[in-house]
Every structure is written in structure tokens, then in C-alpha cells.
Amino acid sequence: MAIKAMVLASEVTLSTATDLSRATVVRVLNDTAATIVATLDDTAYAAAESATSYVAKGARTISIAAGETLFIEKYPTETIAGAGLKCTKVANQ
């Protein structure tokens, strides 16, 4: 089954944590032969929202299997890390 996605930025290979130009939806591809653990961290978002009732989740992880593609929703300033993962900012479908 084909999945449609509007690409909003060029694909990057992660080496450090990034918010991917304030992306709210990210296409994540693991094109390696091994599982890679991705880490999402909302610390920056929580700091910016400190006057609201937002409760920080902190750093969370998800394993992305070899050859797997995921679409991950996140807050604009939330970061994603996972050395070797290929990530692209896409539109919310």
C-alpha cells in the first residue's frame, strides 16, 4: 500500500538531536541492517510551555527495525535523535 506524504524539507541522516526545522510530522526511515533506537525529547517544548498545564514527558525511545518506515507526530520544538536514521519533515495528512 502506498502512503502519500507532502515533503516539506530535504531528507537528513541524523547524527545529533534535532527538531527538523520545527517539524510536527516526521517520516523516519531505517535503511540499515540493524534496529536503531530513536529518542524523542520534549524538554525544550515543556520549558516554553511552563506557564500552561503541559506536563513534560521527557526523553522517550522507540525501536525502529531494519528497513522500517514510520511517521511520527511531535511538537515543533521536540527533538528526535537516532544516529543513522533518515528523517524528512512532512505535512500532516
N, C-alpha and C. Protein backbone atom coordinates (compact mmCIF):
# COMPACT_ATOMS: atom_id res chain seq x y z
N MET A 1 0.84 -1.18 0.00
CA MET A 1 0.00 0.00 0.00
C MET A 1 0.88 1.24 0.00
N ALA A 2 0.62 2.14 -0.91
CA ALA A 2 1.39 3.39 -0.98
C ALA A 2 0.85 4.39 0.04
N ILE A 3 1.76 5.11 0.66
CA ILE A 3 1.38 6.15 1.61
C ILE A 3 1.77 7.48 1.00
N LYS A 4 0.82 8.41 0.97
CA LYS A 4 1.10 9.73 0.42
C LYS A 4 1.61 10.64 1.54
N ALA A 5 2.59 11.46 1.19
CA ALA A 5 3.11 12.44 2.14
C ALA A 5 3.61 13.65 1.38
N MET A 6 3.25 14.84 1.83
CA MET A 6 3.76 16.07 1.24
C MET A 6 5.10 16.38 1.90
N VAL A 7 6.15 16.37 1.11
CA VAL A 7 7.50 16.61 1.62
C VAL A 7 7.72 18.11 1.79
N LEU A 8 8.14 18.52 2.99
CA LEU A 8 8.34 19.93 3.28
C LEU A 8 9.80 20.34 3.41
N ALA A 9 10.71 19.37 3.43
CA ALA A 9 12.14 19.67 3.57
C ALA A 9 12.93 18.48 3.03
N SER A 10 14.19 18.69 2.80
CA SER A 10 15.06 17.61 2.32
C SER A 10 15.32 16.60 3.43
N GLU A 11 15.51 15.36 3.03
CA GLU A 11 15.84 14.29 3.97
C GLU A 11 17.22 14.52 4.57
N VAL A 12 17.34 14.22 5.86
CA VAL A 12 18.63 14.30 6.54
C VAL A 12 18.90 12.98 7.25
N THR A 13 20.17 12.65 7.40
CA THR A 13 20.57 11.49 8.19
C THR A 13 20.96 12.01 9.57
N LEU A 14 20.29 11.51 10.60
CA LEU A 14 20.53 12.02 11.95
C LEU A 14 21.91 11.63 12.47
N SER A 15 22.55 12.62 13.10
CA SER A 15 23.79 12.36 13.83
C SER A 15 23.70 12.95 15.23
N THR A 16 22.87 13.98 15.39
CA THR A 16 22.61 14.59 16.69
C THR A 16 21.11 14.88 16.81
N ALA A 17 20.66 15.21 18.01
CA ALA A 17 19.25 15.54 18.22
C ALA A 17 18.89 16.82 17.47
N THR A 18 17.72 16.83 16.86
CA THR A 18 17.27 17.98 16.08
C THR A 18 15.74 18.06 16.12
N ASP A 19 15.21 19.28 15.93
CA ASP A 19 13.75 19.42 15.82
C ASP A 19 13.30 19.41 14.36
N LEU A 20 14.25 19.19 13.43
CA LEU A 20 13.98 19.10 12.00
C LEU A 20 13.18 20.31 11.51
N SER A 21 13.73 21.49 11.75
CA SER A 21 13.10 22.74 11.31
C SER A 21 11.68 22.88 11.85
N ARG A 22 11.53 22.53 13.12
CA ARG A 22 10.25 22.65 13.83
C ARG A 22 9.15 21.78 13.22
N ALA A 23 9.54 20.62 12.74
CA ALA A 23 8.58 19.68 12.14
C ALA A 23 7.58 19.20 13.18
N THR A 24 6.34 18.99 12.74
CA THR A 24 5.33 18.39 13.61
C THR A 24 5.01 16.96 13.17
N VAL A 25 5.39 16.60 11.95
CA VAL A 25 5.29 15.22 11.48
C VAL A 25 6.59 14.88 10.77
N VAL A 26 7.16 13.74 11.10
CA VAL A 26 8.45 13.33 10.54
C VAL A 26 8.33 11.93 9.96
N ARG A 27 8.79 11.77 8.72
CA ARG A 27 8.92 10.44 8.13
C ARG A 27 10.29 9.93 8.54
N VAL A 28 10.33 8.78 9.18
CA VAL A 28 11.58 8.21 9.68
C VAL A 28 11.84 6.89 8.97
N LEU A 29 13.00 6.75 8.36
CA LEU A 29 13.39 5.54 7.64
C LEU A 29 14.66 4.98 8.25
N ASN A 30 14.64 3.69 8.53
CA ASN A 30 15.85 2.99 8.94
C ASN A 30 16.25 2.09 7.77
N ASP A 31 17.21 2.54 6.98
CA ASP A 31 17.63 1.74 5.82
C ASP A 31 18.90 0.94 6.11
N THR A 32 19.19 0.75 7.40
CA THR A 32 20.36 -0.04 7.79
C THR A 32 19.93 -1.50 7.99
N ALA A 33 20.89 -2.35 8.32
CA ALA A 33 20.61 -3.76 8.56
C ALA A 33 20.35 -4.05 10.04
N ALA A 34 20.31 -3.03 10.87
CA ALA A 34 20.14 -3.23 12.31
C ALA A 34 19.02 -2.34 12.84
N THR A 35 18.44 -2.73 13.96
CA THR A 35 17.45 -1.89 14.64
C THR A 35 18.15 -0.66 15.21
N ILE A 36 17.51 0.50 15.07
CA ILE A 36 18.04 1.75 15.64
C ILE A 36 17.00 2.28 16.62
N VAL A 37 17.45 2.73 17.78
CA VAL A 37 16.57 3.31 18.77
C VAL A 37 16.50 4.82 18.56
N ALA A 38 15.28 5.32 18.33
CA ALA A 38 15.06 6.76 18.20
C ALA A 38 14.64 7.30 19.56
N THR A 39 15.11 8.51 19.88
CA THR A 39 14.76 9.16 21.13
C THR A 39 14.04 10.47 20.83
N LEU A 40 12.85 10.63 21.39
CA LEU A 40 12.10 11.88 21.31
C LEU A 40 12.21 12.56 22.66
N ASP A 41 12.43 13.87 22.65
CA ASP A 41 12.60 14.61 23.91
C ASP A 41 11.85 15.93 23.83
N ASP A 42 10.92 16.15 24.74
CA ASP A 42 10.10 17.38 24.74
C ASP A 42 10.57 18.40 25.77
N THR A 43 11.80 18.31 26.23
CA THR A 43 12.30 19.23 27.26
C THR A 43 12.18 20.69 26.83
N ALA A 44 12.59 21.01 25.59
CA ALA A 44 12.52 22.39 25.10
C ALA A 44 11.08 22.86 25.00
N TYR A 45 10.21 21.99 24.53
CA TYR A 45 8.79 22.35 24.42
C TYR A 45 8.19 22.60 25.81
N ALA A 46 8.50 21.74 26.76
CA ALA A 46 7.98 21.89 28.12
C ALA A 46 8.45 23.20 28.75
N ALA A 47 9.70 23.59 28.50
CA ALA A 47 10.21 24.85 29.05
C ALA A 47 9.46 26.04 28.46
N ALA A 48 9.17 25.98 27.17
CA ALA A 48 8.45 27.08 26.51
C ALA A 48 6.99 27.14 26.97
N GLU A 49 6.44 26.01 27.39
CA GLU A 49 5.04 25.93 27.82
C GLU A 49 4.89 25.92 29.34
N SER A 50 5.90 26.39 30.05
CA SER A 50 5.90 26.29 31.51
C SER A 50 4.74 27.03 32.17
N ALA A 51 4.16 28.02 31.49
CA ALA A 51 3.04 28.77 32.07
C ALA A 51 1.71 28.07 31.86
N THR A 52 1.71 26.97 31.13
CA THR A 52 0.47 26.23 30.88
C THR A 52 0.44 24.97 31.74
N SER A 53 -0.56 24.16 31.53
CA SER A 53 -0.67 22.93 32.30
C SER A 53 0.01 21.75 31.61
N TYR A 54 0.85 22.02 30.60
CA TYR A 54 1.54 20.94 29.88
C TYR A 54 2.45 20.18 30.84
N VAL A 55 2.37 18.87 30.79
CA VAL A 55 3.22 18.02 31.63
C VAL A 55 4.27 17.37 30.74
N ALA A 56 5.53 17.64 31.03
CA ALA A 56 6.63 17.10 30.22
C ALA A 56 6.67 15.59 30.28
N LYS A 57 6.98 15.00 29.15
CA LYS A 57 7.16 13.55 29.07
C LYS A 57 8.62 13.18 29.17
N GLY A 58 9.52 14.15 28.89
CA GLY A 58 10.95 13.89 28.92
C GLY A 58 11.38 13.07 27.72
N ALA A 59 12.49 12.37 27.86
CA ALA A 59 13.02 11.56 26.76
C ALA A 59 12.29 10.22 26.74
N ARG A 60 11.84 9.83 25.53
CA ARG A 60 11.22 8.53 25.32
C ARG A 60 11.86 7.89 24.12
N THR A 61 11.84 6.56 24.07
CA THR A 61 12.50 5.85 22.98
C THR A 61 11.53 4.92 22.26
N ILE A 62 11.88 4.65 21.00
CA ILE A 62 11.15 3.68 20.19
C ILE A 62 12.16 2.98 19.30
N SER A 63 12.06 1.67 19.21
CA SER A 63 12.95 0.90 18.34
C SER A 63 12.39 0.88 16.93
N ILE A 64 13.24 1.16 15.96
CA ILE A 64 12.84 1.14 14.56
C ILE A 64 13.64 0.04 13.87
N ALA A 65 12.93 -0.97 13.44
CA ALA A 65 13.56 -2.16 12.86
C ALA A 65 14.22 -1.86 11.53
N ALA A 66 15.17 -2.68 11.15
CA ALA A 66 15.85 -2.55 9.86
C ALA A 66 14.82 -2.54 8.74
N GLY A 67 14.92 -1.56 7.84
CA GLY A 67 14.02 -1.45 6.71
C GLY A 67 12.67 -0.83 7.01
N GLU A 68 12.42 -0.45 8.26
CA GLU A 68 11.11 0.09 8.65
C GLU A 68 11.01 1.59 8.38
N THR A 69 9.79 2.02 8.02
CA THR A 69 9.47 3.44 7.86
C THR A 69 8.32 3.76 8.79
N LEU A 70 8.44 4.85 9.55
CA LEU A 70 7.39 5.33 10.45
C LEU A 70 7.10 6.79 10.18
N PHE A 71 5.90 7.21 10.53
CA PHE A 71 5.56 8.63 10.56
C PHE A 71 5.32 8.97 12.02
N ILE A 72 6.06 9.93 12.54
CA ILE A 72 5.99 10.28 13.96
C ILE A 72 5.49 11.72 14.09
N GLU A 73 4.45 11.91 14.92
CA GLU A 73 3.97 13.25 15.23
C GLU A 73 4.72 13.74 16.47
N LYS A 74 5.07 15.04 16.46
CA LYS A 74 5.79 15.62 17.59
C LYS A 74 5.48 17.10 17.70
N TYR A 75 5.86 17.69 18.82
CA TYR A 75 5.72 19.13 18.98
C TYR A 75 6.84 19.84 18.20
N PRO A 76 6.62 21.08 17.76
CA PRO A 76 7.60 21.76 16.91
C PRO A 76 9.02 21.84 17.49
N THR A 77 9.15 22.04 18.79
CA THR A 77 10.48 22.15 19.38
C THR A 77 10.96 20.85 20.02
N GLU A 78 10.17 19.80 19.92
CA GLU A 78 10.57 18.49 20.42
C GLU A 78 11.65 17.94 19.50
N THR A 79 12.66 17.34 20.08
CA THR A 79 13.78 16.83 19.27
C THR A 79 13.66 15.33 19.05
N ILE A 80 14.31 14.89 17.97
CA ILE A 80 14.41 13.47 17.65
C ILE A 80 15.88 13.16 17.42
N ALA A 81 16.33 12.03 17.92
CA ALA A 81 17.72 11.60 17.75
C ALA A 81 17.72 10.10 17.45
N GLY A 82 18.74 9.66 16.76
CA GLY A 82 18.90 8.25 16.42
C GLY A 82 19.89 8.16 15.28
N ALA A 83 21.16 8.06 15.62
CA ALA A 83 22.22 8.10 14.61
C ALA A 83 21.97 7.08 13.51
N GLY A 84 21.96 7.57 12.27
CA GLY A 84 21.78 6.71 11.11
C GLY A 84 20.38 6.71 10.55
N LEU A 85 19.39 7.19 11.31
CA LEU A 85 18.03 7.26 10.79
C LEU A 85 17.92 8.38 9.75
N LYS A 86 17.14 8.15 8.71
CA LYS A 86 16.90 9.18 7.70
C LYS A 86 15.53 9.79 7.99
N CYS A 87 15.50 11.10 8.16
CA CYS A 87 14.27 11.78 8.55
C CYS A 87 13.94 12.90 7.58
N THR A 88 12.62 13.07 7.37
CA THR A 88 12.12 14.11 6.47
C THR A 88 10.93 14.78 7.12
N LYS A 89 10.92 16.11 7.11
CA LYS A 89 9.77 16.87 7.58
C LYS A 89 8.67 16.74 6.53
N VAL A 90 7.49 16.28 6.96
CA VAL A 90 6.36 16.12 6.04
C VAL A 90 5.12 16.78 6.62
N ALA A 91 4.11 16.99 5.76
CA ALA A 91 2.86 17.61 6.20
C ALA A 91 1.99 16.57 6.90
N ASN A 92 1.18 17.03 7.82
CA ASN A 92 0.22 16.17 8.50
C ASN A 92 -0.86 15.80 7.51
N GLN A 93 -1.09 14.51 7.32
CA GLN A 93 -2.08 14.04 6.32
C GLN A 93 -3.37 13.70 6.99
